[in-house]
């Protein structure tokens, strides 16, 4: 049975993710694609930050592979 939270309708199987910035609800039909895109963005961000660390000649933080 779906429920409403903060004006958003959430259905069983939807993915609900939250952090210090807020909460998102991903419909289950789109969850795999959203997860794939999020991972792609994260990897690109890590690579970009890694290059900046190298250019500055500083040791990489643990958040950068």
N, C-alpha and C. Protein backbone atom coordinates (compact mmCIF):
# COMPACT_ATOMS: atom_id res chain seq x y z
N UNK A 1 0.85 -1.17 0.00
CA UNK A 1 0.00 0.00 0.00
C UNK A 1 0.90 1.24 0.00
N UNK A 2 0.73 2.14 -0.96
CA UNK A 2 1.55 3.36 -1.01
C UNK A 2 1.22 4.29 0.16
N UNK A 3 2.18 5.17 0.46
CA UNK A 3 1.95 6.19 1.48
C UNK A 3 2.55 7.50 0.99
N UNK A 4 2.12 8.59 1.57
CA UNK A 4 2.62 9.90 1.21
C UNK A 4 3.51 10.43 2.33
N UNK A 5 4.67 10.96 1.93
CA UNK A 5 5.60 11.56 2.90
C UNK A 5 6.14 12.84 2.30
N UNK A 6 5.90 13.93 2.95
CA UNK A 6 6.37 15.22 2.44
C UNK A 6 5.81 15.57 1.09
N UNK A 7 4.63 15.10 0.81
CA UNK A 7 3.99 15.38 -0.48
C UNK A 7 4.42 14.45 -1.60
N UNK A 8 5.23 13.43 -1.28
CA UNK A 8 5.70 12.48 -2.29
C UNK A 8 5.04 11.13 -2.03
N UNK A 9 4.46 10.57 -3.06
CA UNK A 9 3.84 9.26 -2.95
C UNK A 9 4.90 8.18 -3.09
N UNK A 10 5.00 7.30 -2.09
CA UNK A 10 6.01 6.25 -2.06
C UNK A 10 5.30 4.90 -2.15
N UNK A 11 5.73 4.10 -3.13
CA UNK A 11 5.12 2.79 -3.34
C UNK A 11 6.05 1.69 -2.81
N UNK A 12 5.49 0.55 -2.45
CA UNK A 12 6.33 -0.58 -2.04
C UNK A 12 7.35 -0.90 -3.14
N UNK A 13 8.60 -1.10 -2.75
CA UNK A 13 9.66 -1.39 -3.70
C UNK A 13 10.42 -0.18 -4.18
N UNK A 14 9.89 1.02 -3.93
CA UNK A 14 10.64 2.23 -4.29
C UNK A 14 11.89 2.31 -3.42
N UNK A 15 12.90 2.98 -3.94
CA UNK A 15 14.16 3.14 -3.20
C UNK A 15 14.15 4.52 -2.56
N UNK A 16 14.33 4.56 -1.25
CA UNK A 16 14.37 5.81 -0.50
C UNK A 16 15.79 5.96 0.04
N UNK A 17 16.44 7.08 -0.32
CA UNK A 17 17.83 7.31 0.07
C UNK A 17 17.92 8.70 0.69
N UNK A 18 18.65 8.79 1.80
CA UNK A 18 18.81 10.09 2.43
C UNK A 18 20.22 10.30 2.93
N UNK A 19 20.58 11.58 3.04
CA UNK A 19 21.85 11.97 3.65
C UNK A 19 21.63 13.32 4.32
N UNK A 20 22.71 14.00 4.64
CA UNK A 20 22.60 15.27 5.33
C UNK A 20 21.97 16.38 4.50
N UNK A 21 21.89 16.17 3.20
CA UNK A 21 21.32 17.18 2.31
C UNK A 21 19.83 16.97 2.03
N UNK A 22 19.33 15.78 2.32
CA UNK A 22 17.92 15.53 2.05
C UNK A 22 17.63 14.07 1.74
N UNK A 23 16.45 13.85 1.19
CA UNK A 23 15.96 12.50 0.90
C UNK A 23 15.41 12.49 -0.52
N UNK A 24 15.65 11.38 -1.22
CA UNK A 24 15.05 11.20 -2.54
C UNK A 24 14.30 9.87 -2.57
N UNK A 25 13.30 9.82 -3.42
CA UNK A 25 12.55 8.59 -3.64
C UNK A 25 12.70 8.25 -5.12
N UNK A 26 13.20 7.05 -5.40
CA UNK A 26 13.38 6.60 -6.78
C UNK A 26 12.36 5.49 -7.03
N UNK A 27 11.48 5.68 -8.00
CA UNK A 27 10.53 4.62 -8.31
C UNK A 27 11.26 3.33 -8.67
N UNK A 28 10.74 2.22 -8.22
CA UNK A 28 11.43 0.93 -8.43
C UNK A 28 11.69 0.65 -9.90
N UNK A 29 10.82 1.12 -10.79
CA UNK A 29 11.01 0.87 -12.22
C UNK A 29 12.24 1.60 -12.77
N UNK A 30 12.73 2.61 -12.08
CA UNK A 30 13.87 3.40 -12.55
C UNK A 30 15.11 3.22 -11.68
N UNK A 31 15.01 2.41 -10.64
CA UNK A 31 16.09 2.29 -9.65
C UNK A 31 17.41 1.81 -10.25
N UNK A 32 17.40 0.81 -11.10
CA UNK A 32 18.65 0.31 -11.67
C UNK A 32 19.34 1.35 -12.54
N UNK A 33 18.57 2.05 -13.36
CA UNK A 33 19.16 3.09 -14.22
C UNK A 33 19.68 4.26 -13.38
N UNK A 34 18.95 4.67 -12.38
CA UNK A 34 19.40 5.76 -11.50
C UNK A 34 20.67 5.34 -10.77
N UNK A 35 20.73 4.12 -10.28
CA UNK A 35 21.92 3.62 -9.61
C UNK A 35 23.12 3.59 -10.54
N UNK A 36 22.92 3.15 -11.78
CA UNK A 36 24.00 3.11 -12.76
C UNK A 36 24.52 4.52 -13.05
N UNK A 37 23.61 5.45 -13.26
CA UNK A 37 24.02 6.83 -13.54
C UNK A 37 24.72 7.47 -12.35
N UNK A 38 24.23 7.20 -11.15
CA UNK A 38 24.86 7.75 -9.94
C UNK A 38 26.28 7.23 -9.80
N UNK A 39 26.48 5.95 -10.06
CA UNK A 39 27.82 5.36 -9.97
C UNK A 39 28.74 5.98 -11.02
N UNK A 40 28.24 6.16 -12.22
CA UNK A 40 29.02 6.77 -13.30
C UNK A 40 29.46 8.19 -12.91
N UNK A 41 28.56 8.95 -12.35
CA UNK A 41 28.88 10.32 -11.91
C UNK A 41 29.91 10.29 -10.79
N UNK A 42 29.74 9.37 -9.84
CA UNK A 42 30.67 9.27 -8.72
C UNK A 42 32.08 8.92 -9.19
N UNK A 43 32.19 7.96 -10.08
CA UNK A 43 33.50 7.56 -10.60
C UNK A 43 34.17 8.74 -11.31
N UNK A 44 33.41 9.45 -12.12
CA UNK A 44 33.95 10.63 -12.81
C UNK A 44 34.42 11.69 -11.84
N UNK A 45 33.66 11.89 -10.78
CA UNK A 45 34.03 12.87 -9.76
C UNK A 45 35.32 12.46 -9.06
N UNK A 46 35.43 11.18 -8.71
CA UNK A 46 36.65 10.69 -8.07
C UNK A 46 37.86 10.87 -8.97
N UNK A 47 37.70 10.57 -10.24
CA UNK A 47 38.81 10.71 -11.19
C UNK A 47 39.22 12.17 -11.32
N UNK A 48 38.25 13.06 -11.40
CA UNK A 48 38.53 14.49 -11.53
C UNK A 48 39.25 15.02 -10.29
N UNK A 49 38.76 14.64 -9.12
CA UNK A 49 39.41 15.09 -7.88
C UNK A 49 40.80 14.50 -7.76
N UNK A 50 40.98 13.25 -8.19
CA UNK A 50 42.29 12.62 -8.15
C UNK A 50 43.30 13.38 -8.99
N UNK A 51 42.89 13.81 -10.17
CA UNK A 51 43.78 14.58 -11.05
C UNK A 51 44.16 15.92 -10.41
N UNK A 52 43.21 16.52 -9.71
CA UNK A 52 43.51 17.79 -9.04
C UNK A 52 44.51 17.58 -7.91
N UNK A 53 44.36 16.49 -7.17
CA UNK A 53 45.31 16.18 -6.10
C UNK A 53 46.71 16.01 -6.71
N UNK A 54 46.80 15.25 -7.80
CA UNK A 54 48.08 15.02 -8.45
C UNK A 54 48.69 16.31 -8.96
N UNK A 55 47.88 17.16 -9.57
CA UNK A 55 48.37 18.43 -10.10
C UNK A 55 48.91 19.33 -9.00
N UNK A 56 48.31 19.24 -7.82
CA UNK A 56 48.76 20.05 -6.69
C UNK A 56 49.89 19.39 -5.92
N UNK A 57 50.20 18.13 -6.27
CA UNK A 57 51.27 17.42 -5.62
C UNK A 57 50.99 17.04 -4.18
N UNK A 58 49.70 16.80 -3.89
CA UNK A 58 49.34 16.40 -2.53
C UNK A 58 48.80 14.98 -2.51
N UNK A 59 48.90 14.36 -1.35
CA UNK A 59 48.43 12.98 -1.19
C UNK A 59 46.91 12.94 -1.34
N UNK A 60 46.46 11.90 -2.00
CA UNK A 60 45.00 11.75 -2.20
C UNK A 60 44.30 11.46 -0.89
N UNK A 61 43.13 12.05 -0.74
CA UNK A 61 42.29 11.77 0.42
C UNK A 61 41.70 10.38 0.28
N UNK A 62 41.21 9.81 1.37
CA UNK A 62 40.65 8.46 1.31
C UNK A 62 39.39 8.38 0.45
N UNK A 63 38.77 9.53 0.17
CA UNK A 63 37.57 9.54 -0.67
C UNK A 63 37.90 9.52 -2.15
N UNK A 64 39.19 9.57 -2.49
CA UNK A 64 39.62 9.57 -3.88
C UNK A 64 40.42 8.30 -4.13
N UNK A 65 39.98 7.51 -5.06
CA UNK A 65 40.70 6.24 -5.34
C UNK A 65 41.95 6.50 -6.13
